[in-house]
Amino acid sequence: MNFRRPTLSVQEGYSMWAKHYDKQANPLIALEEPITLSLIGDVHGKRVLDLGCGTGRYSLKLAGLGAQVVGVDLSTEMINEARSKVPPGTDVQFVVADISTELDLPSSSFDIVVCALAMCHLPDITGLFSNISRVLVSGGLAVIADQNPYFIQIAKVRTLFKADGRYQYTENYPHLSSEIYRLVVSNGLEIEHIEEPTWNMSYPDLGDIRPIPAALILGLRKKGGAGPIRSAD
């Protein structure tokens, strides 16, 4: 494996990865998805925004459970993959857009926002949190699942994937808990759940990484209504 291969931009990397993405096992997805889905809870009849939707992993699941879903991603190739998998009659739309800049979506138009494994690819997450707060209804729920910034820092890890028989990398940006907390508070959100599941594996050049937090999963509520979100326990 060539660990010296140049790092690709996020858009270039995910565009290259798109046709392979659903065929490759991802231990981080296996770790975070059960927790994320538990926090999201019942979506039947709810309006859901999936930011950084990729090939539609959450968008299609939640639409299949009765949600009205809009998925947004920067990569046209990832969006095309997502669109190719939509079953007839499914209430889901996919949009190519940058989730870190202002989105052309109405304010207070979604009950739930999901952002999974996308935040770490943004050098600046200010716009992401602004978008989440603006589009959520009062009392609305946001669930963010991402690589743990602590792991990104100590491992200096880039996102590794295989495309056309070669290993490639895209950049990761660690956003510290203090930065995330500041943006949560300044955008009128409240933290209702935090989970940091650990790895259950070894990692190249690091050995046994089981004690190290692998993911950071947040359940956030926009101030102004509703009760506590469902616990992942």
C-alpha atoms as a PDB file:
ATOM      1  CA  MET A   1       0.000   0.000   0.000  1.00  0.00           C
ATOM      2  CA  ASN A   2       1.438   3.389  -0.970  1.00  0.00           C
ATOM      3  CA  PHE A   3       0.918   5.727   1.998  1.00  0.00           C
ATOM      4  CA  ARG A   4       2.846   8.481   0.180  1.00  0.00           C
ATOM      5  CA  ARG A   5       0.203   8.923  -2.483  1.00  0.00           C
ATOM      6  CA  PRO A   6      -0.847  12.616  -2.782  1.00  0.00           C
ATOM      7  CA  THR A   7      -3.973  13.754  -0.983  1.00  0.00           C
ATOM      8  CA  LEU A   8      -6.922  14.531  -3.253  1.00  0.00           C
ATOM      9  CA  SER A   9      -9.408  17.315  -2.718  1.00  0.00           C
ATOM     10  CA  VAL A  10     -12.674  16.162  -1.187  1.00  0.00           C
ATOM     11  CA  GLN A  11     -14.629  16.744  -4.402  1.00  0.00           C
ATOM     12  CA  GLU A  12     -12.017  14.984  -6.549  1.00  0.00           C
ATOM     13  CA  GLY A  13     -11.657  12.095  -4.114  1.00  0.00           C
ATOM     14  CA  TYR A  14     -15.339  11.382  -3.636  1.00  0.00           C
ATOM     15  CA  SER A  15     -16.029  11.736  -7.341  1.00  0.00           C
ATOM     16  CA  MET A  16     -13.406   9.047  -7.946  1.00  0.00           C
ATOM     17  CA  TRP A  17     -14.727   6.914  -5.077  1.00  0.00           C
ATOM     18  CA  ALA A  18     -18.415   7.138  -6.030  1.00  0.00           C
ATOM     19  CA  LYS A  19     -18.774   3.988  -8.127  1.00  0.00           C
ATOM     20  CA  HIS A  20     -16.834   1.940  -5.554  1.00  0.00           C
ATOM     21  CA  TYR A  21     -18.234   3.449  -2.342  1.00  0.00           C
ATOM     22  CA  ASP A  22     -21.104   1.040  -1.695  1.00  0.00           C
ATOM     23  CA  LYS A  23     -18.954  -2.016  -2.476  1.00  0.00           C
ATOM     24  CA  GLN A  24     -16.257  -1.372   0.141  1.00  0.00           C
ATOM     25  CA  ALA A  25     -16.553  -2.290   3.815  1.00  0.00           C
ATOM     26  CA  ASN A  26     -16.203   0.712   6.116  1.00  0.00           C
ATOM     27  CA  PRO A  27     -15.640  -0.036   9.813  1.00  0.00           C
ATOM     28  CA  LEU A  28     -16.544   3.520  10.793  1.00  0.00           C
ATOM     29  CA  ILE A  29     -19.973   3.194   9.168  1.00  0.00           C
ATOM     30  CA  ALA A  30     -20.517  -0.123  10.937  1.00  0.00           C
ATOM     31  CA  LEU A  31     -19.704   1.575  14.236  1.00  0.00           C
ATOM     32  CA  GLU A  32     -21.660   4.815  13.931  1.00  0.00           C
ATOM     33  CA  GLU A  33     -24.763   3.808  11.985  1.00  0.00           C
ATOM     34  CA  PRO A  34     -26.663   1.912  14.733  1.00  0.00           C
ATOM     35  CA  ILE A  35     -26.129   4.798  17.161  1.00  0.00           C
ATOM     36  CA  THR A  36     -27.078   7.433  14.603  1.00  0.00           C
ATOM     37  CA  LEU A  37     -30.274   5.649  13.578  1.00  0.00           C
ATOM     38  CA  SER A  38     -31.260   5.173  17.210  1.00  0.00           C
ATOM     39  CA  LEU A  39     -30.876   8.893  17.883  1.00  0.00           C
ATOM     40  CA  ILE A  40     -32.843   9.821  14.751  1.00  0.00           C
ATOM     41  CA  GLY A  41     -35.746   7.651  15.890  1.00  0.00           C
ATOM     42  CA  ASP A  42     -39.115   7.513  14.135  1.00  0.00           C
ATOM     43  CA  VAL A  43     -39.097   9.522  10.895  1.00  0.00           C
ATOM     44  CA  HIS A  44     -42.485   8.578   9.456  1.00  0.00           C
ATOM     45  CA  GLY A  45     -44.130  11.680   7.976  1.00  0.00           C
ATOM     46  CA  LYS A  46     -41.186  13.917   8.893  1.00  0.00           C
ATOM     47  CA  ARG A  47     -39.125  16.170   6.647  1.00  0.00           C
ATOM     48  CA  VAL A  48     -35.450  15.175   6.722  1.00  0.00           C
ATOM     49  CA  LEU A  49     -32.368  16.890   5.302  1.00  0.00           C
ATOM     50  CA  ASP A  50     -29.304  14.694   4.747  1.00  0.00           C
ATOM     51  CA  LEU A  51     -26.199  16.886   4.498  1.00  0.00           C
ATOM     52  CA  GLY A  52     -23.232  15.226   2.822  1.00  0.00           C
ATOM     53  CA  CYS A  53     -25.509  12.410   1.705  1.00  0.00           C
ATOM     54  CA  GLY A  54     -22.975  10.682  -0.565  1.00  0.00           C
ATOM     55  CA  THR A  55     -24.549   7.727  -2.344  1.00  0.00           C
ATOM     56  CA  GLY A  56     -27.706   8.065  -0.268  1.00  0.00           C
ATOM     57  CA  ARG A  57     -26.963   5.767   2.660  1.00  0.00           C
ATOM     58  CA  TYR A  58     -29.174   7.615   5.131  1.00  0.00           C
ATOM     59  CA  SER A  59     -31.411   9.360   2.602  1.00  0.00           C
ATOM     60  CA  LEU A  60     -32.708   6.091   1.156  1.00  0.00           C
ATOM     61  CA  LYS A  61     -33.033   4.362   4.534  1.00  0.00           C
ATOM     62  CA  LEU A  62     -35.054   7.204   6.025  1.00  0.00           C
ATOM     63  CA  ALA A  63     -37.208   7.684   2.930  1.00  0.00           C
ATOM     64  CA  GLY A  64     -37.960   3.968   3.075  1.00  0.00           C
ATOM     65  CA  LEU A  65     -39.184   4.489   6.636  1.00  0.00           C
ATOM     66  CA  GLY A  66     -41.695   7.110   5.526  1.00  0.00           C
ATOM     67  CA  ALA A  67     -39.728  10.376   5.653  1.00  0.00           C
ATOM     68  CA  GLN A  68     -39.725  13.117   3.024  1.00  0.00           C
ATOM     69  CA  VAL A  69     -36.000  13.455   2.325  1.00  0.00           C
ATOM     70  CA  VAL A  70     -33.686  15.900   0.600  1.00  0.00           C
ATOM     71  CA  GLY A  71     -30.070  14.757   0.230  1.00  0.00           C
ATOM     72  CA  VAL A  72     -27.287  17.251  -0.499  1.00  0.00           C
ATOM     73  CA  ASP A  73     -23.718  16.499  -1.568  1.00  0.00           C
ATOM     74  CA  LEU A  74     -20.884  18.333  -3.312  1.00  0.00           C
ATOM     75  CA  SER A  75     -20.023  15.432  -5.616  1.00  0.00           C
ATOM     76  CA  THR A  76     -22.127  15.071  -8.747  1.00  0.00           C
ATOM     77  CA  GLU A  77     -20.874  11.500  -9.120  1.00  0.00           C
ATOM     78  CA  MET A  78     -21.995  10.540  -5.601  1.00  0.00           C
ATOM     79  CA  ILE A  79     -25.394  12.144  -6.212  1.00  0.00           C
ATOM     80  CA  ASN A  80     -25.760  10.254  -9.495  1.00  0.00           C
ATOM     81  CA  GLU A  81     -25.101   6.988  -7.649  1.00  0.00           C
ATOM     82  CA  ALA A  82     -27.738   7.926  -5.071  1.00  0.00           C
ATOM     83  CA  ARG A  83     -30.304   8.789  -7.740  1.00  0.00           C
ATOM     84  CA  SER A  84     -29.705   5.486  -9.515  1.00  0.00           C
ATOM     85  CA  LYS A  85     -30.841   3.582  -6.398  1.00  0.00           C
ATOM     86  CA  VAL A  86     -34.127   5.385  -5.684  1.00  0.00           C
ATOM     87  CA  PRO A  87     -37.067   2.915  -5.743  1.00  0.00           C
ATOM     88  CA  PRO A  88     -40.204   4.070  -7.603  1.00  0.00           C
ATOM     89  CA  GLY A  89     -42.523   6.146  -5.463  1.00  0.00           C
ATOM     90  CA  THR A  90     -39.863   7.021  -2.867  1.00  0.00           C
ATOM     91  CA  ASP A  91     -40.127  10.579  -1.527  1.00  0.00           C
ATOM     92  CA  VAL A  92     -36.489  11.645  -1.878  1.00  0.00           C
ATOM     93  CA  GLN A  93     -34.707  14.366  -3.846  1.00  0.00           C
ATOM     94  CA  PHE A  94     -30.972  14.780  -4.356  1.00  0.00           C
ATOM     95  CA  VAL A  95     -29.223  18.122  -4.829  1.00  0.00           C
ATOM     96  CA  VAL A  96     -25.614  18.932  -5.751  1.00  0.00           C
ATOM     97  CA  ALA A  97     -24.427  21.726  -3.457  1.00  0.00           C
ATOM     98  CA  ASP A  98     -21.720  22.686  -0.970  1.00  0.00           C
ATOM     99  CA  ILE A  99     -23.064  22.085   2.563  1.00  0.00           C
ATOM    100  CA  SER A 100     -20.601  24.600   4.029  1.00  0.00           C
ATOM    101  CA  THR A 101     -22.116  27.542   2.133  1.00  0.00           C
ATOM    102  CA  GLU A 102     -25.660  28.909   2.256  1.00  0.00           C
ATOM    103  CA  LEU A 103     -28.084  26.385   0.824  1.00  0.00           C
ATOM    104  CA  ASP A 104     -31.003  27.284  -1.423  1.00  0.00           C
ATOM    105  CA  LEU A 105     -33.524  25.744   0.965  1.00  0.00           C
ATOM    106  CA  PRO A 106     -36.331  27.469   2.894  1.00  0.00           C
ATOM    107  CA  SER A 107     -35.777  28.371   6.521  1.00  0.00           C
ATOM    108  CA  SER A 108     -37.553  26.282   9.176  1.00  0.00           C
ATOM    109  CA  SER A 109     -38.450  23.619   6.600  1.00  0.00           C
ATOM    110  CA  PHE A 110     -37.054  20.393   8.127  1.00  0.00           C
ATOM    111  CA  ASP A 111     -37.886  18.440  11.255  1.00  0.00           C
ATOM    112  CA  ILE A 112     -34.593  16.518  11.240  1.00  0.00           C
ATOM    113  CA  VAL A 113     -31.119  17.168   9.825  1.00  0.00           C
ATOM    114  CA  VAL A 114     -28.574  14.354   9.492  1.00  0.00           C
ATOM    115  CA  CYS A 115     -24.896  14.891   8.716  1.00  0.00           C
ATOM    116  CA  ALA A 116     -22.802  11.719   8.697  1.00  0.00           C
ATOM    117  CA  LEU A 117     -19.069  11.441   7.961  1.00  0.00           C
ATOM    118  CA  ALA A 118     -18.972  14.785   6.185  1.00  0.00           C
ATOM    119  CA  MET A 119     -17.984  17.398   8.790  1.00  0.00           C
ATOM    120  CA  CYS A 120     -14.353  16.207   8.908  1.00  0.00           C
ATOM    121  CA  HIS A 121     -13.985  17.033   5.202  1.00  0.00           C
ATOM    122  CA  LEU A 122     -14.836  20.713   5.709  1.00  0.00           C
ATOM    123  CA  PRO A 123     -11.961  23.076   6.527  1.00  0.00           C
ATOM    124  CA  ASP A 124     -14.489  25.515   8.005  1.00  0.00           C
ATOM    125  CA  ILE A 125     -17.678  24.236   9.677  1.00  0.00           C
ATOM    126  CA  THR A 126     -19.210  27.642  10.420  1.00  0.00           C
ATOM    127  CA  GLY A 127     -21.528  27.459   7.412  1.00  0.00           C
ATOM    128  CA  LEU A 128     -22.558  23.891   8.191  1.00  0.00           C
ATOM    129  CA  PHE A 129     -23.903  24.798  11.624  1.00  0.00           C
ATOM    130  CA  SER A 130     -25.536  27.940  10.270  1.00  0.00           C
ATOM    131  CA  ASN A 131     -27.342  25.846   7.652  1.00  0.00           C
ATOM    132  CA  ILE A 132     -28.457  23.275  10.219  1.00  0.00           C
ATOM    133  CA  SER A 133     -29.943  25.889  12.505  1.00  0.00           C
ATOM    134  CA  ARG A 134     -31.596  27.907   9.737  1.00  0.00           C
ATOM    135  CA  VAL A 135     -33.425  25.037   8.044  1.00  0.00           C
ATOM    136  CA  LEU A 136     -34.572  23.303  11.252  1.00  0.00           C
ATOM    137  CA  VAL A 137     -37.978  24.013  12.707  1.00  0.00           C
ATOM    138  CA  SER A 138     -38.139  25.190  16.308  1.00  0.00           C
ATOM    139  CA  GLY A 139     -37.511  22.121  18.445  1.00  0.00           C
ATOM    140  CA  GLY A 140     -36.080  20.252  15.459  1.00  0.00           C
ATOM    141  CA  LEU A 141     -33.434  17.542  15.776  1.00  0.00           C
ATOM    142  CA  ALA A 142     -29.956  17.365  14.262  1.00  0.00           C
ATOM    143  CA  VAL A 143     -27.761  14.275  14.430  1.00  0.00           C
ATOM    144  CA  ILE A 144     -24.116  14.628  13.458  1.00  0.00           C
ATOM    145  CA  ALA A 145     -21.859  11.573  13.192  1.00  0.00           C
ATOM    146  CA  ASP A 146     -18.232  11.990  12.259  1.00  0.00           C
ATOM    147  CA  GLN A 147     -14.698  10.779  12.703  1.00  0.00           C
ATOM    148  CA  ASN A 148     -13.519  11.670  16.180  1.00  0.00           C
ATOM    149  CA  PRO A 149     -11.235  14.709  15.973  1.00  0.00           C
ATOM    150  CA  TYR A 150      -8.944  13.183  18.595  1.00  0.00           C
ATOM    151  CA  PHE A 151      -8.298  10.181  16.367  1.00  0.00           C
ATOM    152  CA  ILE A 152      -7.710  12.395  13.314  1.00  0.00           C
ATOM    153  CA  GLN A 153      -5.129  14.366  15.295  1.00  0.00           C
ATOM    154  CA  ILE A 154      -3.131  11.570  16.884  1.00  0.00           C
ATOM    155  CA  ALA A 155      -3.157   9.370  13.794  1.00  0.00           C
ATOM    156  CA  LYS A 156      -2.784  12.251  11.329  1.00  0.00           C
ATOM    157  CA  VAL A 157      -5.302  10.177   9.426  1.00  0.00           C
ATOM    158  CA  ARG A 158      -6.643  10.870   5.945  1.00  0.00           C
ATOM    159  CA  THR A 159      -9.672   9.125   4.486  1.00  0.00           C
ATOM    160  CA  LEU A 160      -8.387   6.064   2.656  1.00  0.00           C
ATOM    161  CA  PHE A 161     -10.276   4.408  -0.180  1.00  0.00           C
ATOM    162  CA  LYS A 162      -9.602   2.173  -3.152  1.00  0.00           C
ATOM    163  CA  ALA A 163     -10.598   3.164  -6.687  1.00  0.00           C
ATOM    164  CA  ASP A 164      -9.680   1.401  -9.896  1.00  0.00           C
ATOM    165  CA  GLY A 165      -7.278  -0.887  -8.055  1.00  0.00           C
ATOM    166  CA  ARG A 166      -5.289   1.885  -6.359  1.00  0.00           C
ATOM    167  CA  TYR A 167      -5.427   3.376  -2.869  1.00  0.00           C
ATOM    168  CA  GLN A 168      -6.254   7.072  -2.685  1.00  0.00           C
ATOM    169  CA  TYR A 169      -6.651   9.671   0.059  1.00  0.00           C
ATOM    170  CA  THR A 170      -8.793  12.687   0.782  1.00  0.00           C
ATOM    171  CA  GLU A 171      -8.084  15.251   3.473  1.00  0.00           C
ATOM    172  CA  ASN A 172      -9.587  15.296   6.961  1.00  0.00           C
ATOM    173  CA  TYR A 173      -9.814  18.359   9.196  1.00  0.00           C
ATOM    174  CA  PRO A 174     -10.068  17.852  12.968  1.00  0.00           C
ATOM    175  CA  HIS A 175     -12.627  20.186  14.536  1.00  0.00           C
ATOM    176  CA  LEU A 176     -12.106  20.289  18.268  1.00  0.00           C
ATOM    177  CA  SER A 177     -14.935  19.937  20.751  1.00  0.00           C
ATOM    178  CA  SER A 178     -14.506  23.566  21.822  1.00  0.00           C
ATOM    179  CA  GLU A 179     -15.068  24.777  18.246  1.00  0.00           C
ATOM    180  CA  ILE A 180     -18.108  22.538  17.820  1.00  0.00           C
ATOM    181  CA  TYR A 181     -19.564  23.638  21.162  1.00  0.00           C
ATOM    182  CA  ARG A 182     -19.102  27.315  20.279  1.00  0.00           C
ATOM    183  CA  LEU A 183     -20.948  26.849  16.977  1.00  0.00           C
ATOM    184  CA  VAL A 184     -23.718  24.836  18.609  1.00  0.00           C
ATOM    185  CA  VAL A 185     -24.382  27.561  21.170  1.00  0.00           C
ATOM    186  CA  SER A 186     -24.009  30.516  18.781  1.00  0.00           C
ATOM    187  CA  ASN A 187     -26.547  28.953  16.395  1.00  0.00           C
ATOM    188  CA  GLY A 188     -29.284  28.443  18.967  1.00  0.00           C
ATOM    189  CA  LEU A 189     -28.772  24.692  19.359  1.00  0.00           C
ATOM    190  CA  GLU A 190     -28.454  22.522  22.448  1.00  0.00           C
ATOM    191  CA  ILE A 191     -26.494  19.310  22.929  1.00  0.00           C
ATOM    192  CA  GLU A 192     -28.748  16.536  24.179  1.00  0.00           C
ATOM    193  CA  HIS A 193     -26.568  13.517  23.501  1.00  0.00           C
ATOM    194  CA  ILE A 194     -22.860  12.839  22.978  1.00  0.00           C
ATOM    195  CA  GLU A 195     -21.346   9.469  22.205  1.00  0.00           C
ATOM    196  CA  GLU A 196     -17.752   8.526  21.379  1.00  0.00           C
ATOM    197  CA  PRO A 197     -17.593   4.833  20.488  1.00  0.00           C
ATOM    198  CA  THR A 198     -14.128   3.314  20.354  1.00  0.00           C
ATOM    199  CA  TRP A 199     -12.491   1.235  17.673  1.00  0.00           C
ATOM    200  CA  ASN A 200     -12.468  -2.563  17.798  1.00  0.00           C
ATOM    201  CA  MET A 201      -9.549  -3.063  15.449  1.00  0.00           C
ATOM    202  CA  SER A 202      -5.893  -2.369  14.687  1.00  0.00           C
ATOM    203  CA  TYR A 203      -4.743   0.387  12.358  1.00  0.00           C
ATOM    204  CA  PRO A 204      -1.672   0.562  10.080  1.00  0.00           C
ATOM    205  CA  ASP A 205       1.355   1.991  11.950  1.00  0.00           C
ATOM    206  CA  LEU A 206      -0.687   2.457  15.164  1.00  0.00           C
ATOM    207  CA  GLY A 207      -1.293  -1.123  16.236  1.00  0.00           C
ATOM    208  CA  ASP A 208      -4.115  -1.772  18.680  1.00  0.00           C
ATOM    209  CA  ILE A 209      -6.356   1.310  18.623  1.00  0.00           C
ATOM    210  CA  ARG A 210      -9.286  -0.136  20.569  1.00  0.00           C
ATOM    211  CA  PRO A 211      -9.039   2.423  23.424  1.00  0.00           C
ATOM    212  CA  ILE A 212      -9.104   5.379  21.016  1.00  0.00           C
ATOM    213  CA  PRO A 213     -12.445   7.126  20.266  1.00  0.00           C
ATOM    214  CA  ALA A 214     -13.350   6.372  16.651  1.00  0.00           C
ATOM    215  CA  ALA A 215     -16.422   8.530  16.148  1.00  0.00           C
ATOM    216  CA  LEU A 216     -18.109  11.569  17.599  1.00  0.00           C
ATOM    217  CA  ILE A 217     -21.904  11.403  17.487  1.00  0.00           C
ATOM    218  CA  LEU A 218     -24.003  14.383  18.581  1.00  0.00           C
ATOM    219  CA  GLY A 219     -27.720  14.763  19.121  1.00  0.00           C
ATOM    220  CA  LEU A 220     -28.674  18.453  18.922  1.00  0.00           C
ATOM    221  CA  ARG A 221     -31.969  20.241  19.439  1.00  0.00           C
ATOM    222  CA  LYS A 222     -32.901  23.660  18.049  1.00  0.00           C
ATOM    223  CA  LYS A 223     -34.161  25.722  20.943  1.00  0.00           C
ATOM    224  CA  GLY A 224     -37.860  26.359  21.162  1.00  0.00           C
ATOM    225  CA  GLY A 225     -39.741  23.074  21.596  1.00  0.00           C
ATOM    226  CA  ALA A 226     -40.004  19.286  21.825  1.00  0.00           C
ATOM    227  CA  GLY A 227     -38.719  16.988  24.505  1.00  0.00           C
ATOM    228  CA  PRO A 228     -35.468  15.050  24.784  1.00  0.00           C
ATOM    229  CA  ILE A 229     -34.327  12.909  21.883  1.00  0.00           C
ATOM    230  CA  ARG A 230     -34.219   9.140  22.091  1.00  0.00           C
ATOM    231  CA  SER A 231     -31.204   7.657  23.840  1.00  0.00           C
ATOM    232  CA  ALA A 232     -28.934   5.369  21.888  1.00  0.00           C
ATOM    233  CA  ASP A 233     -28.688   3.036  24.911  1.00  0.00           C
END
